[in-house]
Amino acid sequence: DWMIPAPAQGAMVVVSMENDPYSTEAVRKLNDKKTEISTHVEREFLQVLEGGCTAPIGAIATIHKDSLNFEGVLLSLDGKQKIAVKKSITTQHYKDFGRTCAQEILNNGGSEMMVEIKKELA
């Protein structure tokens, strides 16, 4: 509870060719749907913020029963400024949820903060 991890931290991904039914089926059997949904939301959040692995962005999506809970944060490089979002929806509506959460961050000063972060990291 003391920090929000980097988006998709600790998730394992297996990639297969779309037109290879054997590999696709093998990967499908290994897939955990909750992890797939959580990782999708967290990575979408990161993508919309246009952050990379050096940007101070945290995101965690958790699923409890039919509820998808999300916490995201954008920090200034010195850690003095923080913009956070905390939202919940039903799991079935997870598509674009990361985008919605990131847009809230951007609308609350995150756009300007990301400009500063990119300048300082350049």
PDB file of N, CA and C in Angstrom:
ATOM      1  N   ASP A   1       0.802  -1.205   0.000  1.00  0.00           N
ATOM      2  CA  ASP A   1       0.000   0.000   0.000  1.00  0.00           C
ATOM      3  C   ASP A   1       0.842   1.265   0.000  1.00  0.00           C
ATOM      4  N   TRP A   2       2.142   1.165   0.145  1.00  0.00           N
ATOM      5  CA  TRP A   2       2.953   2.366   0.252  1.00  0.00           C
ATOM      6  C   TRP A   2       3.357   2.947  -1.100  1.00  0.00           C
ATOM      7  N   MET A   3       3.175   2.215  -2.174  1.00  0.00           N
ATOM      8  CA  MET A   3       3.493   2.760  -3.500  1.00  0.00           C
ATOM      9  C   MET A   3       2.690   2.033  -4.570  1.00  0.00           C
ATOM     10  N   ILE A   4       2.549   2.706  -5.686  1.00  0.00           N
ATOM     11  CA  ILE A   4       1.896   2.097  -6.845  1.00  0.00           C
ATOM     12  C   ILE A   4       3.011   1.659  -7.791  1.00  0.00           C
ATOM     13  N   PRO A   5       3.051   0.401  -8.196  1.00  0.00           N
ATOM     14  CA  PRO A   5       4.144  -0.087  -9.039  1.00  0.00           C
ATOM     15  C   PRO A   5       4.073   0.443 -10.470  1.00  0.00           C
ATOM     16  N   ALA A   6       5.139   0.204 -11.200  1.00  0.00           N
ATOM     17  CA  ALA A   6       5.155   0.528 -12.627  1.00  0.00           C
ATOM     18  C   ALA A   6       4.067  -0.287 -13.325  1.00  0.00           C
ATOM     19  N   PRO A   7       3.475   0.256 -14.384  1.00  0.00           N
ATOM     20  CA  PRO A   7       2.416  -0.466 -15.105  1.00  0.00           C
ATOM     21  C   PRO A   7       2.875  -1.848 -15.580  1.00  0.00           C
ATOM     22  N   ALA A   8       2.020  -2.836 -15.371  1.00  0.00           N
ATOM     23  CA  ALA A   8       2.236  -4.227 -15.787  1.00  0.00           C
ATOM     24  C   ALA A   8       3.462  -4.859 -15.129  1.00  0.00           C
ATOM     25  N   GLN A   9       3.879  -4.334 -14.002  1.00  0.00           N
ATOM     26  CA  GLN A   9       5.037  -4.857 -13.282  1.00  0.00           C
ATOM     27  C   GLN A   9       4.795  -6.307 -12.883  1.00  0.00           C
ATOM     28  N   GLY A  10       5.698  -7.178 -13.257  1.00  0.00           N
ATOM     29  CA  GLY A  10       5.613  -8.574 -12.858  1.00  0.00           C
ATOM     30  C   GLY A  10       4.778  -9.462 -13.766  1.00  0.00           C
ATOM     31  N   ALA A  11       4.147  -8.893 -14.771  1.00  0.00           N
ATOM     32  CA  ALA A  11       3.334  -9.707 -15.685  1.00  0.00           C
ATOM     33  C   ALA A  11       4.239 -10.423 -16.678  1.00  0.00           C
ATOM     34  N   MET A  12       3.909 -11.667 -16.967  1.00  0.00           N
ATOM     35  CA  MET A  12       4.643 -12.428 -17.975  1.00  0.00           C
ATOM     36  C   MET A  12       3.807 -12.491 -19.245  1.00  0.00           C
ATOM     37  N   VAL A  13       4.464 -12.354 -20.372  1.00  0.00           N
ATOM     38  CA  VAL A  13       3.768 -12.353 -21.654  1.00  0.00           C
ATOM     39  C   VAL A  13       4.364 -13.423 -22.551  1.00  0.00           C
ATOM     40  N   VAL A  14       3.495 -14.164 -23.208  1.00  0.00           N
ATOM     41  CA  VAL A  14       3.919 -15.145 -24.205  1.00  0.00           C
ATOM     42  C   VAL A  14       3.313 -14.710 -25.529  1.00  0.00           C
ATOM     43  N   VAL A  15       4.129 -14.653 -26.561  1.00  0.00           N
ATOM     44  CA  VAL A  15       3.688 -14.202 -27.876  1.00  0.00           C
ATOM     45  C   VAL A  15       3.669 -15.391 -28.828  1.00  0.00           C
ATOM     46  N   SER A  16       2.661 -15.424 -29.689  1.00  0.00           N
ATOM     47  CA  SER A  16       2.599 -16.466 -30.710  1.00  0.00           C
ATOM     48  C   SER A  16       2.150 -15.842 -32.025  1.00  0.00           C
ATOM     49  N   MET A  17       2.372 -16.566 -33.097  1.00  0.00           N
ATOM     50  CA  MET A  17       1.949 -16.078 -34.408  1.00  0.00           C
ATOM     51  C   MET A  17       0.445 -16.281 -34.557  1.00  0.00           C
ATOM     52  N   GLU A  18      -0.238 -15.269 -35.074  1.00  0.00           N
ATOM     53  CA  GLU A  18      -1.695 -15.336 -35.234  1.00  0.00           C
ATOM     54  C   GLU A  18      -2.144 -16.488 -36.124  1.00  0.00           C
ATOM     55  N   ASN A  19      -1.390 -16.749 -37.173  1.00  0.00           N
ATOM     56  CA  ASN A  19      -1.809 -17.765 -38.139  1.00  0.00           C
ATOM     57  C   ASN A  19      -1.284 -19.165 -37.801  1.00  0.00           C
ATOM     58  N   ASP A  20      -0.831 -19.365 -36.580  1.00  0.00           N
ATOM     59  CA  ASP A  20      -0.361 -20.675 -36.136  1.00  0.00           C
ATOM     60  C   ASP A  20      -1.330 -21.196 -35.071  1.00  0.00           C
ATOM     61  N   PRO A  21      -2.338 -21.995 -35.489  1.00  0.00           N
ATOM     62  CA  PRO A  21      -3.370 -22.440 -34.544  1.00  0.00           C
ATOM     63  C   PRO A  21      -2.816 -23.261 -33.375  1.00  0.00           C
ATOM     64  N   TYR A  22      -1.762 -24.016 -33.595  1.00  0.00           N
ATOM     65  CA  TYR A  22      -1.183 -24.818 -32.515  1.00  0.00           C
ATOM     66  C   TYR A  22      -0.641 -23.911 -31.408  1.00  0.00           C
ATOM     67  N   SER A  23       0.167 -22.926 -31.802  1.00  0.00           N
ATOM     68  CA  SER A  23       0.744 -21.995 -30.822  1.00  0.00           C
ATOM     69  C   SER A  23      -0.332 -21.155 -30.153  1.00  0.00           C
ATOM     70  N   THR A  24      -1.290 -20.680 -30.935  1.00  0.00           N
ATOM     71  CA  THR A  24      -2.371 -19.855 -30.394  1.00  0.00           C
ATOM     72  C   THR A  24      -3.150 -20.623 -29.334  1.00  0.00           C
ATOM     73  N   GLU A  25      -3.438 -21.879 -29.601  1.00  0.00           N
ATOM     74  CA  GLU A  25      -4.180 -22.703 -28.641  1.00  0.00           C
ATOM     75  C   GLU A  25      -3.342 -22.970 -27.389  1.00  0.00           C
ATOM     76  N   ALA A  26      -2.066 -23.225 -27.567  1.00  0.00           N
ATOM     77  CA  ALA A  26      -1.192 -23.474 -26.417  1.00  0.00           C
ATOM     78  C   ALA A  26      -1.114 -22.239 -25.524  1.00  0.00           C
ATOM     79  N   VAL A  27      -0.981 -21.075 -26.119  1.00  0.00           N
ATOM     80  CA  VAL A  27      -0.912 -19.825 -25.360  1.00  0.00           C
ATOM     81  C   VAL A  27      -2.246 -19.543 -24.676  1.00  0.00           C
ATOM     82  N   ARG A  28      -3.335 -19.808 -25.366  1.00  0.00           N
ATOM     83  CA  ARG A  28      -4.663 -19.573 -24.789  1.00  0.00           C
ATOM     84  C   ARG A  28      -4.845 -20.368 -23.500  1.00  0.00           C
ATOM     85  N   LYS A  29      -4.333 -21.583 -23.483  1.00  0.00           N
ATOM     86  CA  LYS A  29      -4.457 -22.437 -22.295  1.00  0.00           C
ATOM     87  C   LYS A  29      -3.654 -21.893 -21.112  1.00  0.00           C
ATOM     88  N   LEU A  30      -2.598 -21.167 -21.394  1.00  0.00           N
ATOM     89  CA  LEU A  30      -1.764 -20.590 -20.339  1.00  0.00           C
ATOM     90  C   LEU A  30      -2.298 -19.246 -19.836  1.00  0.00           C
ATOM     91  N   ASN A  31      -3.147 -18.625 -20.617  1.00  0.00           N
ATOM     92  CA  ASN A  31      -3.603 -17.266 -20.317  1.00  0.00           C
ATOM     93  C   ASN A  31      -4.488 -17.203 -19.070  1.00  0.00           C
ATOM     94  N   ASP A  32      -4.238 -16.191 -18.248  1.00  0.00           N
ATOM     95  CA  ASP A  32      -5.092 -15.890 -17.102  1.00  0.00           C
ATOM     96  C   ASP A  32      -5.864 -14.620 -17.454  1.00  0.00           C
ATOM     97  N   LYS A  33      -7.170 -14.716 -17.593  1.00  0.00           N
ATOM     98  CA  LYS A  33      -7.998 -13.607 -18.076  1.00  0.00           C
ATOM     99  C   LYS A  33      -7.899 -12.371 -17.179  1.00  0.00           C
ATOM    100  N   LYS A  34      -7.860 -12.561 -15.863  1.00  0.00           N
ATOM    101  CA  LYS A  34      -7.745 -11.408 -14.961  1.00  0.00           C
ATOM    102  C   LYS A  34      -6.432 -10.659 -15.186  1.00  0.00           C
ATOM    103  N   THR A  35      -5.355 -11.406 -15.360  1.00  0.00           N
ATOM    104  CA  THR A  35      -4.059 -10.785 -15.626  1.00  0.00           C
ATOM    105  C   THR A  35      -4.072 -10.088 -16.977  1.00  0.00           C
ATOM    106  N   GLU A  36      -4.682 -10.711 -17.968  1.00  0.00           N
ATOM    107  CA  GLU A  36      -4.792 -10.097 -19.296  1.00  0.00           C
ATOM    108  C   GLU A  36      -5.512  -8.752 -19.215  1.00  0.00           C
ATOM    109  N   ILE A  37      -6.630  -8.714 -18.513  1.00  0.00           N
ATOM    110  CA  ILE A  37      -7.413  -7.479 -18.391  1.00  0.00           C
ATOM    111  C   ILE A  37      -6.630  -6.423 -17.616  1.00  0.00           C
ATOM    112  N   SER A  38      -6.074  -6.802 -16.487  1.00  0.00           N
ATOM    113  CA  SER A  38      -5.322  -5.855 -15.659  1.00  0.00           C
ATOM    114  C   SER A  38      -4.141  -5.268 -16.420  1.00  0.00           C
ATOM    115  N   THR A  39      -3.394  -6.125 -17.087  1.00  0.00           N
ATOM    116  CA  THR A  39      -2.232  -5.677 -17.851  1.00  0.00           C
ATOM    117  C   THR A  39      -2.649  -4.775 -19.004  1.00  0.00           C
ATOM    118  N   HIS A  40      -3.732  -5.117 -19.670  1.00  0.00           N
ATOM    119  CA  HIS A  40      -4.239  -4.285 -20.767  1.00  0.00           C
ATOM    120  C   HIS A  40      -4.531  -2.869 -20.268  1.00  0.00           C
ATOM    121  N   VAL A  41      -5.244  -2.754 -19.158  1.00  0.00           N
ATOM    122  CA  VAL A  41      -5.624  -1.445 -18.616  1.00  0.00           C
ATOM    123  C   VAL A  41      -4.382  -0.651 -18.202  1.00  0.00           C
ATOM    124  N   GLU A  42      -3.452  -1.291 -17.513  1.00  0.00           N
ATOM    125  CA  GLU A  42      -2.246  -0.607 -17.045  1.00  0.00           C
ATOM    126  C   GLU A  42      -1.378  -0.132 -18.206  1.00  0.00           C
ATOM    127  N   ARG A  43      -1.206  -0.969 -19.221  1.00  0.00           N
ATOM    128  CA  ARG A  43      -0.372  -0.588 -20.369  1.00  0.00           C
ATOM    129  C   ARG A  43      -1.046   0.490 -21.215  1.00  0.00           C
ATOM    130  N   GLU A  44      -2.357   0.434 -21.317  1.00  0.00           N
ATOM    131  CA  GLU A  44      -3.093   1.464 -22.043  1.00  0.00           C
ATOM    132  C   GLU A  44      -2.931   2.816 -21.337  1.00  0.00           C
ATOM    133  N   PHE A  45      -2.993   2.814 -20.014  1.00  0.00           N
ATOM    134  CA  PHE A  45      -2.780   4.012 -19.207  1.00  0.00           C
ATOM    135  C   PHE A  45      -1.406   4.609 -19.516  1.00  0.00           C
ATOM    136  N   LEU A  46      -0.377   3.778 -19.494  1.00  0.00           N
ATOM    137  CA  LEU A  46       0.991   4.215 -19.781  1.00  0.00           C
ATOM    138  C   LEU A  46       1.114   4.752 -21.200  1.00  0.00           C
ATOM    139  N   GLN A  47       0.519   4.059 -22.153  1.00  0.00           N
ATOM    140  CA  GLN A  47       0.597   4.459 -23.559  1.00  0.00           C
ATOM    141  C   GLN A  47      -0.034   5.830 -23.784  1.00  0.00           C
ATOM    142  N   VAL A  48      -1.193   6.082 -23.200  1.00  0.00           N
ATOM    143  CA  VAL A  48      -1.873   7.366 -23.386  1.00  0.00           C
ATOM    144  C   VAL A  48      -1.064   8.497 -22.752  1.00  0.00           C
ATOM    145  N   LEU A  49      -0.423   8.223 -21.618  1.00  0.00           N
ATOM    146  CA  LEU A  49       0.424   9.243 -20.991  1.00  0.00           C
ATOM    147  C   LEU A  49       1.732   9.438 -21.750  1.00  0.00           C
ATOM    148  N   GLU A  50       2.018   8.554 -22.692  1.00  0.00           N
ATOM    149  CA  GLU A  50       3.241   8.582 -23.497  1.00  0.00           C
ATOM    150  C   GLU A  50       4.480   8.465 -22.619  1.00  0.00           C
ATOM    151  N   GLY A  51       4.369   7.626 -21.604  1.00  0.00           N
ATOM    152  CA  GLY A  51       5.495   7.418 -20.703  1.00  0.00           C
ATOM    153  C   GLY A  51       6.274   6.178 -21.073  1.00  0.00           C
ATOM    154  N   GLY A  52       7.525   6.199 -20.728  1.00  0.00           N
ATOM    155  CA  GLY A  52       8.377   5.036 -20.936  1.00  0.00           C
ATOM    156  C   GLY A  52       8.828   4.500 -19.593  1.00  0.00           C
ATOM    157  N   CYS A  53       9.853   3.681 -19.607  1.00  0.00           N
ATOM    158  CA  CYS A  53      10.293   3.053 -18.362  1.00  0.00           C
ATOM    159  C   CYS A  53      11.020   4.022 -17.434  1.00  0.00           C
ATOM    160  N   THR A  54      11.384   5.213 -17.913  1.00  0.00           N
ATOM    161  CA  THR A  54      12.045   6.183 -17.042  1.00  0.00           C
ATOM    162  C   THR A  54      11.088   7.232 -16.488  1.00  0.00           C
ATOM    163  N   ALA A  55       9.866   7.261 -16.972  1.00  0.00           N
ATOM    164  CA  ALA A  55       8.881   8.237 -16.485  1.00  0.00           C
ATOM    165  C   ALA A  55       8.311   7.768 -15.144  1.00  0.00           C
ATOM    166  N   PRO A  56       8.106   8.687 -14.213  1.00  0.00           N
ATOM    167  CA  PRO A  56       7.573   8.321 -12.897  1.00  0.00           C
ATOM    168  C   PRO A  56       6.059   8.117 -12.923  1.00  0.00           C
ATOM    169  N   ILE A  57       5.661   6.995 -13.508  1.00  0.00           N
ATOM    170  CA  ILE A  57       4.248   6.658 -13.672  1.00  0.00           C
ATOM    171  C   ILE A  57       3.995   5.323 -12.982  1.00  0.00           C
ATOM    172  N   GLY A  58       2.934   5.273 -12.207  1.00  0.00           N
ATOM    173  CA  GLY A  58       2.545   4.033 -11.548  1.00  0.00           C
ATOM    174  C   GLY A  58       1.116   3.681 -11.913  1.00  0.00           C
ATOM    175  N   ALA A  59       0.827   2.397 -11.968  1.00  0.00           N
ATOM    176  CA  ALA A  59      -0.534   1.953 -12.281  1.00  0.00           C
ATOM    177  C   ALA A  59      -0.737   0.547 -11.750  1.00  0.00           C
ATOM    178  N   ILE A  60      -1.899   0.333 -11.159  1.00  0.00           N
ATOM    179  CA  ILE A  60      -2.250  -1.017 -10.734  1.00  0.00           C
ATOM    180  C   ILE A  60      -3.750  -1.216 -10.914  1.00  0.00           C
ATOM    181  N   ALA A  61      -4.081  -2.272 -11.619  1.00  0.00           N
ATOM    182  CA  ALA A  61      -5.479  -2.654 -11.833  1.00  0.00           C
ATOM    183  C   ALA A  61      -5.690  -3.998 -11.145  1.00  0.00           C
ATOM    184  N   THR A  62      -6.713  -4.082 -10.328  1.00  0.00           N
ATOM    185  CA  THR A  62      -7.025  -5.327  -9.632  1.00  0.00           C
ATOM    186  C   THR A  62      -8.485  -5.679  -9.869  1.00  0.00           C
ATOM    187  N   ILE A  63      -8.756  -6.956  -9.844  1.00  0.00           N
ATOM    188  CA  ILE A  63     -10.122  -7.431 -10.072  1.00  0.00           C
ATOM    189  C   ILE A  63     -10.589  -8.177  -8.830  1.00  0.00           C
ATOM    190  N   HIS A  64     -11.748  -7.787  -8.363  1.00  0.00           N
ATOM    191  CA  HIS A  64     -12.391  -8.470  -7.237  1.00  0.00           C
ATOM    192  C   HIS A  64     -13.832  -8.728  -7.633  1.00  0.00           C
ATOM    193  N   LYS A  65     -14.164 -10.007  -7.755  1.00  0.00           N
ATOM    194  CA  LYS A  65     -15.475 -10.418  -8.259  1.00  0.00           C
ATOM    195  C   LYS A  65     -15.672  -9.805  -9.640  1.00  0.00           C
ATOM    196  N   ASP A  66     -16.658  -8.940  -9.832  1.00  0.00           N
ATOM    197  CA  ASP A  66     -16.900  -8.334 -11.147  1.00  0.00           C
ATOM    198  C   ASP A  66     -16.468  -6.869 -11.190  1.00  0.00           C
ATOM    199  N   SER A  67     -15.645  -6.458 -10.236  1.00  0.00           N
ATOM    200  CA  SER A  67     -15.225  -5.061 -10.159  1.00  0.00           C
ATOM    201  C   SER A  67     -13.755  -4.921 -10.553  1.00  0.00           C
ATOM    202  N   LEU A  68     -13.486  -4.013 -11.470  1.00  0.00           N
ATOM    203  CA  LEU A  68     -12.127  -3.686 -11.895  1.00  0.00           C
ATOM    204  C   LEU A  68     -11.752  -2.378 -11.215  1.00  0.00           C
ATOM    205  N   ASN A  69     -10.762  -2.440 -10.343  1.00  0.00           N
ATOM    206  CA  ASN A  69     -10.329  -1.281  -9.569  1.00  0.00           C
ATOM    207  C   ASN A  69      -8.980  -0.813 -10.088  1.00  0.00           C
ATOM    208  N   PHE A  70      -8.849   0.487 -10.296  1.00  0.00           N
ATOM    209  CA  PHE A  70      -7.624   1.042 -10.874  1.00  0.00           C
ATOM    210  C   PHE A  70      -7.121   2.204 -10.036  1.00  0.00           C
ATOM    211  N   GLU A  71      -5.806   2.217  -9.830  1.00  0.00           N
ATOM    212  CA  GLU A  71      -5.133   3.364  -9.233  1.00  0.00           C
ATOM    213  C   GLU A  71      -3.960   3.708 -10.127  1.00  0.00           C
ATOM    214  N   GLY A  72      -3.863   4.978 -10.486  1.00  0.00           N
ATOM    215  CA  GLY A  72      -2.765   5.437 -11.314  1.00  0.00           C
ATOM    216  C   GLY A  72      -2.203   6.730 -10.769  1.00  0.00           C
ATOM    217  N   VAL A  73      -0.932   6.960 -11.052  1.00  0.00           N
ATOM    218  CA  VAL A  73      -0.276   8.160 -10.540  1.00  0.00           C
ATOM    219  C   VAL A  73       0.790   8.635 -11.523  1.00  0.00           C
ATOM    220  N   LEU A  74       0.931   9.946 -11.596  1.00  0.00           N
ATOM    221  CA  LEU A  74       2.012  10.592 -12.335  1.00  0.00           C
ATOM    222  C   LEU A  74       2.700  11.515 -11.350  1.00  0.00           C
ATOM    223  N   LEU A  75       4.014  11.379 -11.232  1.00  0.00           N
ATOM    224  CA  LEU A  75       4.800  12.199 -10.309  1.00  0.00           C
ATOM    225  C   LEU A  75       5.785  13.057 -11.083  1.00  0.00           C
ATOM    226  N   SER A  76       6.107  14.220 -10.532  1.00  0.00           N
ATOM    227  CA  SER A  76       7.187  15.015 -11.106  1.00  0.00           C
ATOM    228  C   SER A  76       8.495  14.282 -10.810  1.00  0.00           C
ATOM    229  N   LEU A  77       9.540  14.600 -11.557  1.00  0.00           N
ATOM    230  CA  LEU A  77      10.809  13.892 -11.376  1.00  0.00           C
ATOM    231  C   LEU A  77      11.386  14.086  -9.979  1.00  0.00           C
ATOM    232  N   ASP A  78      11.125  15.229  -9.352  1.00  0.00           N
ATOM    233  CA  ASP A  78      11.622  15.450  -7.992  1.00  0.00           C
ATOM    234  C   ASP A  78      10.683  14.887  -6.926  1.00  0.00           C
ATOM    235  N   GLY A  79       9.536  14.355  -7.346  1.00  0.00           N
ATOM    236  CA  GLY A  79       8.590  13.744  -6.423  1.00  0.00           C
ATOM    237  C   GLY A  79       7.742  14.723  -5.630  1.00  0.00           C
ATOM    238  N   LYS A  80       7.846  16.009  -5.930  1.00  0.00           N
ATOM    239  CA  LYS A  80       7.105  17.023  -5.166  1.00  0.00           C
ATOM    240  C   LYS A  80       5.675  17.219  -5.653  1.00  0.00           C
ATOM    241  N   GLN A  81       5.411  16.852  -6.896  1.00  0.00           N
ATOM    242  CA  GLN A  81       4.063  16.995  -7.448  1.00  0.00           C
ATOM    243  C   GLN A  81       3.512  15.612  -7.776  1.00  0.00           C
ATOM    244  N   LYS A  82       2.224  15.455  -7.525  1.00  0.00           N
ATOM    245  CA  LYS A  82       1.585  14.160  -7.747  1.00  0.00           C
ATOM    246  C   LYS A  82       0.174  14.393  -8.277  1.00  0.00           C
ATOM    247  N   ILE A  83      -0.155  13.672  -9.340  1.00  0.00           N
ATOM    248  CA  ILE A  83      -1.516  13.676  -9.869  1.00  0.00           C
ATOM    249  C   ILE A  83      -1.965  12.220  -9.872  1.00  0.00           C
ATOM    250  N   ALA A  84      -3.070  11.950  -9.199  1.00  0.00           N
ATOM    251  CA  ALA A  84      -3.517  10.566  -9.039  1.00  0.00           C
ATOM    252  C   ALA A  84      -4.954  10.395  -9.504  1.00  0.00           C
ATOM    253  N   VAL A  85      -5.267   9.165  -9.845  1.00  0.00           N
ATOM    254  CA  VAL A  85      -6.629   8.796 -10.228  1.00  0.00           C
ATOM    255  C   VAL A  85      -6.949   7.456  -9.574  1.00  0.00           C
ATOM    256  N   LYS A  86      -8.187   7.325  -9.133  1.00  0.00           N
ATOM    257  CA  LYS A  86      -8.654   6.068  -8.542  1.00  0.00           C
ATOM    258  C   LYS A  86     -10.083   5.873  -9.013  1.00  0.00           C
ATOM    259  N   LYS A  87     -10.321   4.781  -9.754  1.00  0.00           N
ATOM    260  CA  LYS A  87     -11.636   4.530 -10.334  1.00  0.00           C
ATOM    261  C   LYS A  87     -11.956   3.040 -10.308  1.00  0.00           C
ATOM    262  N   SER A  88     -13.237   2.745 -10.381  1.00  0.00           N
ATOM    263  CA  SER A  88     -13.703   1.360 -10.482  1.00  0.00           C
ATOM    264  C   SER A  88     -14.822   1.276 -11.512  1.00  0.00           C
ATOM    265  N   ILE A  89     -14.858   0.152 -12.212  1.00  0.00           N
ATOM    266  CA  ILE A  89     -15.940  -0.145 -13.159  1.00  0.00           C
ATOM    267  C   ILE A  89     -16.203  -1.644 -13.104  1.00  0.00           C
ATOM    268  N   THR A  90     -17.218  -2.092 -13.818  1.00  0.00           N
ATOM    269  CA  THR A  90     -17.415  -3.534 -13.926  1.00  0.00           C
ATOM    270  C   THR A  90     -16.389  -4.079 -14.916  1.00  0.00           C
ATOM    271  N   THR A  91     -15.936  -5.271 -14.666  1.00  0.00           N
ATOM    272  CA  THR A  91     -14.868  -5.878 -15.463  1.00  0.00           C
ATOM    273  C   THR A  91     -15.206  -5.952 -16.946  1.00  0.00           C
ATOM    274  N   GLN A  92     -16.453  -6.180 -17.276  1.00  0.00           N
ATOM    275  CA  GLN A  92     -16.825  -6.326 -18.685  1.00  0.00           C
ATOM    276  C   GLN A  92     -16.594  -5.053 -19.494  1.00  0.00           C
ATOM    277  N   HIS A  93     -16.441  -3.910 -18.843  1.00  0.00           N
ATOM    278  CA  HIS A  93     -16.241  -2.639 -19.551  1.00  0.00           C
ATOM    279  C   HIS A  93     -14.783  -2.176 -19.512  1.00  0.00           C
ATOM    280  N   TYR A  94     -13.842  -3.110 -19.461  1.00  0.00           N
ATOM    281  CA  TYR A  94     -12.438  -2.748 -19.296  1.00  0.00           C
ATOM    282  C   TYR A  94     -11.810  -2.063 -20.511  1.00  0.00           C
ATOM    283  N   LYS A  95     -12.344  -2.300 -21.701  1.00  0.00           N
ATOM    284  CA  LYS A  95     -11.764  -1.685 -22.903  1.00  0.00           C
ATOM    285  C   LYS A  95     -11.830  -0.166 -22.764  1.00  0.00           C
ATOM    286  N   ASP A  96     -10.738   0.513 -23.032  1.00  0.00           N
ATOM    287  CA  ASP A  96     -10.599   1.973 -22.954  1.00  0.00           C
ATOM    288  C   ASP A  96     -10.619   2.519 -21.529  1.00  0.00           C
ATOM    289  N   PHE A  97     -10.650   1.660 -20.512  1.00  0.00           N
ATOM    290  CA  PHE A  97     -10.646   2.143 -19.133  1.00  0.00           C
ATOM    291  C   PHE A  97      -9.303   2.788 -18.783  1.00  0.00           C
ATOM    292  N   GLY A  98      -8.214   2.207 -19.251  1.00  0.00           N
ATOM    293  CA  GLY A  98      -6.892   2.801 -19.035  1.00  0.00           C
ATOM    294  C   GLY A  98      -6.795   4.167 -19.685  1.00  0.00           C
ATOM    295  N   ARG A  99      -7.368   4.295 -20.868  1.00  0.00           N
ATOM    296  CA  ARG A  99      -7.398   5.572 -21.594  1.00  0.00           C
ATOM    297  C   ARG A  99      -8.190   6.613 -20.797  1.00  0.00           C
ATOM    298  N   THR A 100      -9.339   6.215 -20.278  1.00  0.00           N
ATOM    299  CA  THR A 100     -10.178   7.120 -19.487  1.00  0.00           C
ATOM    300  C   THR A 100      -9.428   7.621 -18.254  1.00  0.00           C
ATOM    301  N   CYS A 101      -8.752   6.724 -17.572  1.00  0.00           N
ATOM    302  CA  CYS A 101      -8.000   7.097 -16.368  1.00  0.00           C
ATOM    303  C   CYS A 101      -6.823   8.009 -16.706  1.00  0.00           C
ATOM    304  N   ALA A 102      -6.124   7.710 -17.791  1.00  0.00           N
ATOM    305  CA  ALA A 102      -5.001   8.550 -18.214  1.00  0.00           C
ATOM    306  C   ALA A 102      -5.487   9.932 -18.621  1.00  0.00           C
ATOM    307  N   GLN A 103      -6.617   9.997 -19.290  1.00  0.00           N
ATOM    308  CA  GLN A 103      -7.160  11.285 -19.722  1.00  0.00           C
ATOM    309  C   GLN A 103      -7.484  12.161 -18.512  1.00  0.00           C
ATOM    310  N   GLU A 104      -7.960  11.548 -17.439  1.00  0.00           N
ATOM    311  CA  GLU A 104      -8.229  12.309 -16.211  1.00  0.00           C
ATOM    312  C   GLU A 104      -6.937  12.909 -15.654  1.00  0.00           C
ATOM    313  N   ILE A 105      -5.865  12.133 -15.665  1.00  0.00           N
ATOM    314  CA  ILE A 105      -4.555  12.637 -15.226  1.00  0.00           C
ATOM    315  C   ILE A 105      -4.125  13.807 -16.111  1.00  0.00           C
ATOM    316  N   LEU A 106      -4.214  13.630 -17.428  1.00  0.00           N
ATOM    317  CA  LEU A 106      -3.801  14.678 -18.367  1.00  0.00           C
ATOM    318  C   LEU A 106      -4.622  15.947 -18.184  1.00  0.00           C
ATOM    319  N   ASN A 107      -5.910  15.799 -17.968  1.00  0.00           N
ATOM    320  CA  ASN A 107      -6.796  16.953 -17.804  1.00  0.00           C
ATOM    321  C   ASN A 107      -6.580  17.691 -16.485  1.00  0.00           C
ATOM    322  N   ASN A 108      -5.955  17.029 -15.528  1.00  0.00           N
ATOM    323  CA  ASN A 108      -5.719  17.644 -14.218  1.00  0.00           C
ATOM    324  C   ASN A 108      -4.275  18.104 -14.026  1.00  0.00           C
ATOM    325  N   GLY A 109      -3.628  18.486 -15.117  1.00  0.00           N
ATOM    326  CA  GLY A 109      -2.263  19.001 -15.042  1.00  0.00           C
ATOM    327  C   GLY A 109      -1.204  18.045 -15.536  1.00  0.00           C
ATOM    328  N   GLY A 110      -1.597  16.841 -15.885  1.00  0.00           N
ATOM    329  CA  GLY A 110      -0.639  15.847 -16.341  1.00  0.00           C
ATOM    330  C   GLY A 110      -0.001  16.162 -17.679  1.00  0.00           C
ATOM    331  N   SER A 111      -0.740  16.834 -18.560  1.00  0.00           N
ATOM    332  CA  SER A 111      -0.167  17.198 -19.871  1.00  0.00           C
ATOM    333  C   SER A 111       1.058  18.073 -19.680  1.00  0.00           C
ATOM    334  N   GLU A 112       0.908  19.090 -18.843  1.00  0.00           N
ATOM    335  CA  GLU A 112       2.017  20.009 -18.585  1.00  0.00           C
ATOM    336  C   GLU A 112       3.164  19.294 -17.875  1.00  0.00           C
ATOM    337  N   MET A 113       2.814  18.423 -16.926  1.00  0.00           N
ATOM    338  CA  MET A 113       3.850  17.699 -16.199  1.00  0.00           C
ATOM    339  C   MET A 113       4.629  16.777 -17.130  1.00  0.00           C
ATOM    340  N   MET A 114       3.943  16.114 -18.063  1.00  0.00           N
ATOM    341  CA  MET A 114       4.636  15.231 -19.007  1.00  0.00           C
ATOM    342  C   MET A 114       5.563  16.014 -19.924  1.00  0.00           C
ATOM    343  N   VAL A 115       5.172  17.224 -20.318  1.00  0.00           N
ATOM    344  CA  VAL A 115       6.054  18.074 -21.132  1.00  0.00           C
ATOM    345  C   VAL A 115       7.341  18.347 -20.359  1.00  0.00           C
ATOM    346  N   GLU A 116       7.216  18.700 -19.087  1.00  0.00           N
ATOM    347  CA  GLU A 116       8.387  18.977 -18.246  1.00  0.00           C
ATOM    348  C   GLU A 116       9.249  17.730 -18.062  1.00  0.00           C
ATOM    349  N   ILE A 117       8.615  16.602 -17.824  1.00  0.00           N
ATOM    350  CA  ILE A 117       9.355  15.349 -17.634  1.00  0.00           C
ATOM    351  C   ILE A 117      10.152  15.009 -18.889  1.00  0.00           C
ATOM    352  N   LYS A 118       9.512  15.123 -20.050  1.00  0.00           N
ATOM    353  CA  LYS A 118      10.194  14.801 -21.311  1.00  0.00           C
ATOM    354  C   LYS A 118      11.356  15.749 -21.563  1.00  0.00           C
ATOM    355  N   LYS A 119      11.182  17.026 -21.212  1.00  0.00           N
ATOM    356  CA  LYS A 119      12.266  18.007 -21.366  1.00  0.00           C
ATOM    357  C   LYS A 119      13.451  17.636 -20.483  1.00  0.00           C
ATOM    358  N   GLU A 120      13.161  17.301 -19.237  1.00  0.00           N
ATOM    359  CA  GLU A 120      14.227  16.983 -18.286  1.00  0.00           C
ATOM    360  C   GLU A 120      14.937  15.679 -18.624  1.00  0.00           C
ATOM    361  N   LEU A 121      14.231  14.739 -19.227  1.00  0.00           N
ATOM    362  CA  LEU A 121      14.834  13.449 -19.567  1.00  0.00           C
ATOM    363  C   LEU A 121      15.535  13.455 -20.920  1.00  0.00           C
ATOM    364  N   ALA A 122      15.319  14.501 -21.702  1.00  0.00           N
ATOM    365  CA  ALA A 122      15.908  14.566 -23.054  1.00  0.00           C
ATOM    366  C   ALA A 122      17.402  14.789 -23.001  1.00  0.00           C
TER     367      ALA A 122
END
